[in-house]
Protein backbone atom coordinates (compact mmCIF):
# COMPACT_ATOMS: atom_id res chain seq x y z
CA UNK A 1 -36.74 78.09 63.82
CA UNK A 2 -39.18 75.55 65.39
CA UNK A 3 -40.70 73.94 62.15
CA UNK A 4 -38.70 70.82 61.77
CA UNK A 5 -40.90 67.97 61.25
CA UNK A 6 -41.58 65.50 63.68
CA UNK A 7 -39.76 62.58 61.54
CA UNK A 8 -37.04 64.51 61.35
CA UNK A 9 -37.03 65.12 65.03
CA UNK A 10 -37.16 61.58 65.66
CA UNK A 11 -34.49 60.69 63.01
CA UNK A 12 -32.36 62.84 64.90
CA UNK A 13 -33.25 61.43 68.29
CA UNK A 14 -32.00 57.89 66.92
CA UNK A 15 -28.82 59.34 65.29
CA UNK A 16 -28.31 60.80 68.69
CA UNK A 17 -29.19 57.48 70.73
CA UNK A 18 -26.27 55.82 68.90
CA UNK A 19 -24.15 58.47 69.48
CA UNK A 20 -24.54 58.72 73.30
CA UNK A 21 -23.76 54.71 73.21
CA UNK A 22 -20.81 54.93 71.41
CA UNK A 23 -19.29 57.64 74.49
CA UNK A 24 -17.72 56.08 77.57
CA UNK A 25 -15.98 58.74 79.12
CA UNK A 26 -18.38 60.35 81.80
CA UNK A 27 -17.53 63.72 81.62
CA UNK A 28 -17.49 63.69 77.80
CA UNK A 29 -20.86 61.89 77.83
CA UNK A 30 -22.72 64.59 80.35
CA UNK A 31 -21.69 67.70 77.79
CA UNK A 32 -22.97 65.55 74.99
CA UNK A 33 -26.07 64.90 76.52
CA UNK A 34 -26.76 68.56 77.10
CA UNK A 35 -26.06 69.88 73.92
CA UNK A 36 -28.07 67.36 72.48
CA UNK A 37 -30.92 67.57 74.20
CA UNK A 38 -31.08 71.47 73.53
CA UNK A 39 -30.31 70.72 69.85
CA UNK A 40 -33.48 68.42 70.04
CA UNK A 41 -36.04 70.93 71.02
CA UNK A 42 -33.64 74.49 69.98
CA UNK A 43 -33.18 75.50 73.87
CA UNK A 44 -31.37 78.27 74.35
CA UNK A 45 -29.64 76.54 77.68
CA UNK A 46 -29.67 73.57 79.51
CA UNK A 47 -28.34 71.87 82.83
CA UNK A 48 -27.61 68.65 83.96
CA UNK A 49 -27.51 67.01 87.72
CA UNK A 50 -26.24 64.04 88.84
CA UNK A 51 -27.59 61.97 91.77
CA UNK A 52 -24.97 61.08 94.30
CA UNK A 53 -25.24 60.22 97.90
CA UNK A 54 -29.07 60.99 97.84
CA UNK A 55 -28.45 64.64 96.42
CA UNK A 56 -27.99 66.29 93.08
CA UNK A 57 -24.81 67.53 91.99
CA UNK A 58 -25.31 70.33 89.42
CA UNK A 59 -22.78 69.07 86.72
CA UNK A 60 -22.92 70.76 83.26
CA UNK A 61 -24.09 73.99 82.26
CA UNK A 62 -24.38 74.99 78.37
CA UNK A 63 -26.26 78.32 77.24
CA UNK A 64 -25.77 79.98 74.10
CA UNK A 65 -26.59 83.52 74.75
CA UNK A 66 -24.40 83.70 77.72
CA UNK A 67 -21.92 81.98 76.05
CA UNK A 68 -21.89 84.71 73.25
CA UNK A 69 -21.88 87.00 75.78
CA UNK A 70 -18.97 86.25 78.39
CA UNK A 71 -17.55 82.77 76.80
CA UNK A 72 -18.19 79.53 77.54
CA UNK A 73 -15.30 79.25 80.26
CA UNK A 74 -16.21 82.37 82.22
CA UNK A 75 -20.00 80.87 82.37
CA UNK A 76 -18.84 77.69 83.75
CA UNK A 77 -16.76 79.55 86.52
CA UNK A 78 -19.92 81.65 87.24
CA UNK A 79 -22.03 78.58 87.67
CA UNK A 80 -19.67 76.19 89.75
CA UNK A 81 -20.68 73.47 91.33
CA UNK A 82 -23.23 73.09 93.89
CA UNK A 83 -25.87 70.50 95.83
CA UNK A 84 -29.62 70.51 95.74
CA UNK A 85 -31.11 68.05 98.32
CA UNK A 86 -33.62 65.61 96.46
CA UNK A 87 -37.06 66.89 97.48
CA UNK A 88 -39.81 69.25 96.81
CA UNK A 89 -37.97 72.17 97.74
CA UNK A 90 -36.65 72.60 93.92
CA UNK A 91 -37.56 71.50 90.38
CA UNK A 92 -34.56 69.46 90.00
CA UNK A 93 -35.32 67.70 93.34
CA UNK A 94 -39.04 67.33 92.77
CA UNK A 95 -38.29 65.43 89.60
CA UNK A 96 -35.86 63.43 90.88
CA UNK A 97 -37.70 62.44 93.79
CA UNK A 98 -41.15 62.09 91.95
CA UNK A 99 -39.98 60.52 88.37
CA UNK A 100 -42.45 62.97 86.94
CA UNK A 101 -41.35 65.71 84.17
CA UNK A 102 -42.07 69.37 84.66
CA UNK A 103 -43.16 71.90 81.79
CA UNK A 104 -43.44 75.42 82.35
CA UNK A 105 -44.26 77.65 79.62
CA UNK A 106 -43.20 81.37 81.80
CA UNK A 107 -41.19 80.71 85.02
CA UNK A 108 -42.43 84.11 86.03
CA UNK A 109 -46.06 82.91 86.42
CA UNK A 110 -46.06 79.46 87.92
CA UNK A 111 -49.60 77.60 88.33
CA UNK A 112 -51.06 78.42 91.51
CA UNK A 113 -50.20 76.01 94.52
CA UNK A 114 -46.64 75.31 92.70
CA UNK A 115 -44.41 74.30 95.86
CA UNK A 116 -41.42 75.73 94.25
CA UNK A 117 -40.42 79.13 92.66
CA UNK A 118 -37.87 80.36 90.20
CA UNK A 119 -34.84 81.36 91.79
CA UNK A 120 -34.24 84.81 89.64
CA UNK A 121 -30.87 85.33 91.50
CA UNK A 122 -28.91 84.13 88.32
CA UNK A 123 -31.08 86.08 86.06
CA UNK A 124 -30.39 89.10 87.97
CA UNK A 125 -26.83 88.46 88.13
CA UNK A 126 -25.94 87.65 84.61
CA UNK A 127 -29.08 89.86 83.17
CA UNK A 128 -30.21 86.99 81.24
CA UNK A 129 -34.00 86.43 80.66
CA UNK A 130 -35.61 82.87 82.06
CA UNK A 131 -38.91 82.03 80.30
CA UNK A 132 -39.97 78.61 79.57
CA UNK A 133 -38.12 75.60 81.44
CA UNK A 134 -38.62 72.02 81.09
CA UNK A 135 -37.24 69.45 83.76
CA UNK A 136 -37.05 65.55 82.95
CA UNK A 137 -35.73 63.00 85.42
CA UNK A 138 -33.19 61.00 83.94
CA UNK A 139 -33.24 56.84 84.61
CA UNK A 140 -30.85 53.85 84.59
CA UNK A 141 -32.39 50.45 83.39
CA UNK A 142 -33.81 49.53 86.97
CA UNK A 143 -35.74 52.78 87.22
CA UNK A 144 -33.62 54.42 89.65
CA UNK A 145 -32.83 58.12 88.96
CA UNK A 146 -29.17 58.86 87.49
CA UNK A 147 -29.64 62.74 87.23
CA UNK A 148 -31.75 65.28 86.04
CA UNK A 149 -32.20 67.39 82.61
CA UNK A 150 -33.18 70.99 82.62
CA UNK A 151 -33.49 73.07 79.52
CA UNK A 152 -34.80 76.70 79.15
CA UNK A 153 -35.85 78.77 76.53
CA UNK A 154 -37.29 77.45 73.54
CA UNK A 155 -36.38 79.66 70.89
CA UNK A 156 -38.82 80.65 68.27
CA UNK A 157 -38.38 83.20 65.22
CA UNK A 158 -38.88 86.00 67.78
CA UNK A 159 -37.47 84.91 71.07
CA UNK A 160 -38.06 82.57 73.88
CA UNK A 161 -41.40 80.52 73.53
CA UNK A 162 -42.96 77.18 75.45
CA UNK A 163 -41.56 74.14 75.09
CA UNK A 164 -44.60 72.21 73.62
CA UNK A 165 -45.93 68.61 73.26
CA UNK A 166 -43.41 67.35 70.99
CA UNK A 167 -40.52 68.71 72.73
CA UNK A 168 -41.63 67.24 75.81
CA UNK A 169 -41.70 63.79 74.52
CA UNK A 170 -38.35 63.60 72.61
CA UNK A 171 -36.85 64.91 75.88
CA UNK A 172 -38.49 62.41 77.80
CA UNK A 173 -37.31 59.46 74.79
CA UNK A 174 -33.87 61.30 75.03
CA UNK A 175 -33.82 61.15 78.81
CA UNK A 176 -34.16 57.45 78.75
CA UNK A 177 -31.42 56.76 76.45
CA UNK A 178 -28.95 58.98 78.23
CA UNK A 179 -29.78 57.59 81.87
CA UNK A 180 -28.93 54.36 80.63
CA UNK A 181 -25.65 55.55 78.69
CA UNK A 182 -24.79 57.78 81.85
CA UNK A 183 -25.28 54.01 84.09
CA UNK A 184 -22.83 52.62 81.47
CA UNK A 185 -20.55 55.12 81.88
CA UNK A 186 -20.39 55.11 85.60
CA UNK A 187 -20.17 51.45 85.66
CA UNK A 188 -17.15 51.40 83.26
CA UNK A 189 -15.72 54.22 85.27
CA UNK A 190 -16.09 52.38 88.45
CA UNK A 191 -14.20 49.21 86.29
CA UNK A 192 -11.31 51.67 85.35
CA UNK A 193 -11.12 52.61 89.12
CA UNK A 194 -10.80 49.20 89.92
CA UNK A 195 -8.46 47.91 87.73
CA UNK A 196 -6.06 50.98 88.65
CA UNK A 197 -6.69 50.40 92.41
CA UNK A 198 -5.57 46.49 91.67
CA UNK A 199 -2.54 47.57 89.88
CA UNK A 200 -1.61 50.39 92.28
CA UNK A 201 -1.76 47.81 94.94
CA UNK A 202 0.20 45.17 93.27
CA UNK A 203 2.90 47.51 92.50
CA UNK A 204 3.18 48.71 96.09
CA UNK A 205 3.86 45.19 97.20
CA UNK A 206 6.71 45.54 95.06
CA UNK A 207 8.15 48.76 96.09
CA UNK A 208 7.38 47.66 99.49
CA UNK A 209 10.13 45.10 99.45
CA UNK A 210 12.35 47.65 97.60
CA UNK A 211 11.49 49.77 100.79
CA UNK A 212 10.32 52.18 98.83
CA UNK A 213 7.25 54.15 100.13
CA UNK A 214 4.06 54.06 98.15
CA UNK A 215 4.27 57.77 97.61
CA UNK A 216 6.80 56.77 94.89
CA UNK A 217 4.72 55.23 92.53
CA UNK A 218 2.60 57.90 92.81
CA UNK A 219 4.48 60.63 92.23
CA UNK A 220 6.34 58.76 89.25
CA UNK A 221 3.37 57.76 87.94
CA UNK A 222 2.02 61.64 88.18
CA UNK A 223 5.13 62.19 86.57
CA UNK A 224 4.69 59.97 83.52
CA UNK A 225 1.34 61.40 83.23
CA UNK A 226 2.61 65.03 82.82
CA UNK A 227 5.17 64.12 80.38
CA UNK A 228 2.83 62.47 78.46
CA UNK A 229 0.56 65.48 78.47
CA UNK A 230 3.53 67.88 77.82
CA UNK A 231 4.60 65.46 74.55
CA UNK A 232 0.85 66.02 72.93
CA UNK A 233 -0.07 62.29 73.36
CA UNK A 234 -4.04 62.10 73.18
CA UNK A 235 -5.91 61.82 76.78
CA UNK A 236 -6.27 58.15 76.51
CA UNK A 237 -2.67 57.54 75.38
CA UNK A 238 -2.13 59.71 78.73
CA UNK A 239 -4.29 58.03 80.84
CA UNK A 240 -2.85 54.50 79.99
CA UNK A 241 0.88 55.50 80.52
CA UNK A 242 -0.50 56.86 83.92
CA UNK A 243 -2.24 53.39 85.11
CA UNK A 244 0.83 51.55 83.31
CA UNK A 245 3.79 53.13 85.31
CA UNK A 246 3.15 52.08 88.68
CA UNK A 247 3.97 48.07 87.54
CA UNK A 248 7.40 48.97 86.37
CA UNK A 249 9.27 47.13 89.21
CA UNK A 250 6.68 44.69 89.74
CA UNK A 251 9.45 41.90 88.95
CA UNK A 252 11.25 42.92 91.93
CA UNK A 253 8.95 40.25 93.46
CA UNK A 254 11.08 38.02 92.40
CA UNK A 255 14.21 39.14 93.44
CA UNK A 256 15.74 37.32 96.72
CA UNK A 257 15.81 39.65 99.64
CA UNK A 258 19.57 38.63 100.10
CA UNK A 259 20.13 40.85 96.45
CA UNK A 260 17.54 43.34 96.98
CA UNK A 261 18.28 44.49 100.51
CA UNK A 262 21.90 43.75 100.21
CA UNK A 263 23.53 47.34 101.69
CA UNK A 264 26.75 47.33 99.59
CA UNK A 265 27.72 47.10 96.01
CA UNK A 266 26.24 44.26 94.02
CA UNK A 267 28.81 41.87 92.53
CA UNK A 268 28.22 40.44 88.46
CA UNK A 269 26.32 37.75 89.14
CA UNK A 270 23.84 39.58 91.92
CA UNK A 271 23.95 42.71 89.23
CA UNK A 272 22.56 39.96 86.78
CA UNK A 273 20.01 38.76 89.08
CA UNK A 274 18.73 42.30 89.94
CA UNK A 275 18.95 43.19 86.30
CA UNK A 276 16.28 40.26 85.69
CA UNK A 277 13.62 42.03 87.23
CA UNK A 278 12.62 43.64 83.92
CA UNK A 279 12.36 40.34 82.43
CA UNK A 280 10.37 38.81 85.38
CA UNK A 281 8.03 42.06 85.27
CA UNK A 282 7.34 41.33 81.86
CA UNK A 283 6.42 37.76 81.99
CA UNK A 284 4.34 38.63 85.37
CA UNK A 285 2.40 40.90 83.18
CA UNK A 286 2.18 39.43 79.66
CA UNK A 287 -0.48 37.37 78.07
CA UNK A 288 -3.45 39.89 79.28
CA UNK A 289 -6.15 40.84 77.20
CA UNK A 290 -6.62 44.21 79.13
CA UNK A 291 -4.43 46.73 76.94
CA UNK A 292 -3.44 48.59 80.34
CA UNK A 293 -1.69 45.38 81.53
CA UNK A 294 -0.44 44.69 78.07
CA UNK A 295 1.30 48.11 78.17
CA UNK A 296 2.46 47.66 81.53
CA UNK A 297 4.28 44.51 80.55
CA UNK A 298 6.23 47.02 78.11
CA UNK A 299 7.03 49.17 80.49
CA UNK A 300 8.43 46.81 82.77
CA UNK A 301 10.68 44.92 80.38
CA UNK A 302 11.84 48.34 78.87
CA UNK A 303 12.20 51.03 81.56
CA UNK A 304 16.16 50.48 82.10
CA UNK A 305 17.16 50.94 78.74
CA UNK A 306 18.82 53.60 77.67
CA UNK A 307 19.04 56.47 75.09
CA UNK A 308 22.35 55.65 73.90
CA UNK A 309 22.10 52.32 74.07
CA UNK A 310 23.85 51.32 77.31
CA UNK A 311 20.67 49.83 79.46
CA UNK A 312 19.15 46.88 80.11
CA UNK A 313 18.10 43.97 79.41
CA UNK A 314 18.04 44.15 75.64
CA UNK A 315 20.21 47.13 74.86
CA UNK A 316 17.69 49.02 73.10
CA UNK A 317 18.55 52.63 72.02
CA UNK A 318 16.78 55.87 70.97
CA UNK A 319 13.36 55.38 69.52
CA UNK A 320 13.62 51.64 69.20
CA UNK A 321 13.15 51.86 73.09
CA UNK A 322 9.37 52.18 73.43
CA UNK A 323 8.14 55.55 74.16
CA UNK A 324 6.42 54.73 77.23
CA UNK A 325 9.37 52.71 78.27
CA UNK A 326 11.57 55.93 77.95
CA UNK A 327 8.64 57.92 80.03
CA UNK A 328 8.87 56.10 82.74
CA UNK A 329 12.50 55.60 83.02
CA UNK A 330 12.82 59.42 83.22
CA UNK A 331 9.83 59.74 85.71
CA UNK A 332 11.44 56.89 87.83
CA UNK A 333 14.91 58.21 88.03
CA UNK A 334 13.83 61.90 88.54
CA UNK A 335 11.88 60.67 91.70
CA UNK A 336 14.84 58.36 93.04
CA UNK A 337 16.83 61.17 92.97
CA UNK A 338 15.01 63.75 94.19
CA UNK A 339 13.53 62.21 96.73
CA UNK A 340 14.55 60.51 100.35
CA UNK A 341 14.97 57.04 100.74
CA UNK A 342 15.70 54.86 103.66
CA UNK A 343 19.56 54.92 102.58
CA UNK A 344 19.92 58.47 101.32
CA UNK A 345 18.79 61.93 101.56
CA UNK A 346 16.77 63.71 98.59
CA UNK A 347 19.34 65.52 95.89
CA UNK A 348 18.87 69.32 95.86
CA UNK A 349 16.76 70.08 92.83
CA UNK A 350 19.68 72.21 91.03
CA UNK A 351 21.63 68.95 91.30
CA UNK A 352 18.61 66.76 90.24
CA UNK A 353 18.36 69.15 87.18
CA UNK A 354 21.74 68.98 86.56
CA UNK A 355 21.92 65.76 86.42
CA UNK A 356 18.99 65.53 83.75
CA UNK A 357 20.52 67.98 81.52
CA UNK A 358 23.93 65.53 81.24
CA UNK A 359 22.10 62.92 80.70
CA UNK A 360 20.00 64.32 78.04
CA UNK A 361 20.70 62.08 74.80
CA UNK A 362 22.44 59.42 77.19
CA UNK A 363 20.26 58.24 79.50
CA UNK A 364 16.72 59.61 78.56
CA UNK A 365 15.25 60.61 75.22
CA UNK A 366 16.23 64.69 75.07
CA UNK A 367 12.76 65.61 74.03
CA UNK A 368 11.29 64.03 77.30
CA UNK A 369 13.86 65.94 79.15
CA UNK A 370 12.81 68.89 77.62
CA UNK A 371 9.12 68.50 78.32
CA UNK A 372 9.64 67.70 82.12
CA UNK A 373 12.02 70.70 82.74
CA UNK A 374 9.21 72.86 80.89
CA UNK A 375 6.81 71.24 83.22
CA UNK A 376 8.80 72.02 86.88
CA UNK A 377 5.90 73.95 88.61
CA UNK A 378 3.44 70.99 87.88
CA UNK A 379 6.55 68.66 88.99
CA UNK A 380 6.95 70.49 92.22
CA UNK A 381 3.02 70.37 92.61
CA UNK A 382 3.31 66.46 92.41
CA UNK A 383 6.51 66.48 94.78
CA UNK A 384 4.47 68.43 97.29
CA UNK A 385 1.10 66.65 97.02
CA UNK A 386 2.68 63.06 97.77
CA UNK A 387 5.95 63.86 99.78
CA UNK A 388 6.98 61.39 102.09
CA UNK A 389 6.08 61.39 105.98
CA UNK A 390 8.46 59.86 108.92
CA UNK A 391 5.40 57.60 109.31
CA UNK A 392 5.85 56.31 105.91
CA UNK A 393 9.77 55.52 106.57
CA UNK A 394 8.63 54.09 110.11
CA UNK A 395 6.12 51.32 108.34
CA UNK A 396 9.07 50.41 105.94
CA UNK A 397 11.59 49.65 108.93
CA UNK A 398 9.23 48.23 111.01
CA UNK A 399 5.93 47.35 109.74
CA UNK A 400 4.09 45.47 112.38
CA UNK A 401 5.37 48.06 115.01
CA UNK A 402 3.92 50.95 112.89
CA UNK A 403 0.96 49.38 112.14
CA UNK A 404 0.31 48.52 115.96
CA UNK A 405 1.07 52.36 116.70
CA UNK A 406 -1.21 53.52 114.32
CA UNK A 407 -4.05 51.49 115.74
CA UNK A 408 -3.63 52.78 119.27
CA UNK A 409 -4.59 56.32 117.70
CA UNK A 410 -7.78 55.47 116.04
């Protein structure tokens, strides 16, 4: 089981490095790091800690023996999440603090003078027997610790054996690659969050002009994400819809206040100007090289199209309407009906659901209506989490006074 030639292990290390560099989703990357490290040295288990805010956050746990016994999900619940200080009080903390690796052949017989001990509580709770353990720090390209990788029980033909010198060398080289890949994924995650916040804030400006609270775009974007998930879109597609949907009404920035805030019915000319916000929004967003902004331009243009062809601005029908536009149309109208506005009370849920059923195949894609209705418990959770408060509406009615009042209470 541990007789693989060194040159084959090194070839595996190269292949693994290529795989690490191809993944930008942080959670997926961290799981791959543990799985591949275990594979490189035939370890029975592995854990990974991320360095965050001067501490180590326990992030991923794998263990072949325990997973075979209780399942991966149960094992993940058993481990949970906890934080370790970066100090000499623990092996992981020591490695993060000093940059040194630790390789102990027998955790129950640590060298004399060792400042830390093996925490056998988990072994007792699970019936697992930890023997050998290899702990390696991971660093970014600037030498800063990004996390710690810990492997347990190198497996020989007759059970656990110590991690040998080749194991330690391989995992140190692997950890160097993993640290840089983790840094890249964290930077990508930060960039995605920055893009999302920028889009959200611009979207909030448009909604603010239309006397909508910022919670409206939070709710409807979460509804859009939920619908996307329910109909089986890929995780990346679901995330793209979630990020693009807040921009659906950005074109209202170009609509005059006299029309946007008119208390009564709009005349035909005013209605045409109001409906032009779909085209204005598309033009604001078009021409970008950023995929999510490209998608937002499509959403802005098509979220007022209707399944039966009676919508605007192009009178598209059925599947000629881009899927993302159909999703946002449903999410947006659902929130408009089910939420309080400055000029109306929220509809009761029963009335909203009756409206969706009536408009199934007319205004809305029938499959999307079914998907949303099947997920109503999650819809209600979103409504509760992002419900509007009196302060939100006070900000819309008198923003300067609301800001001053808020500042007095800080």
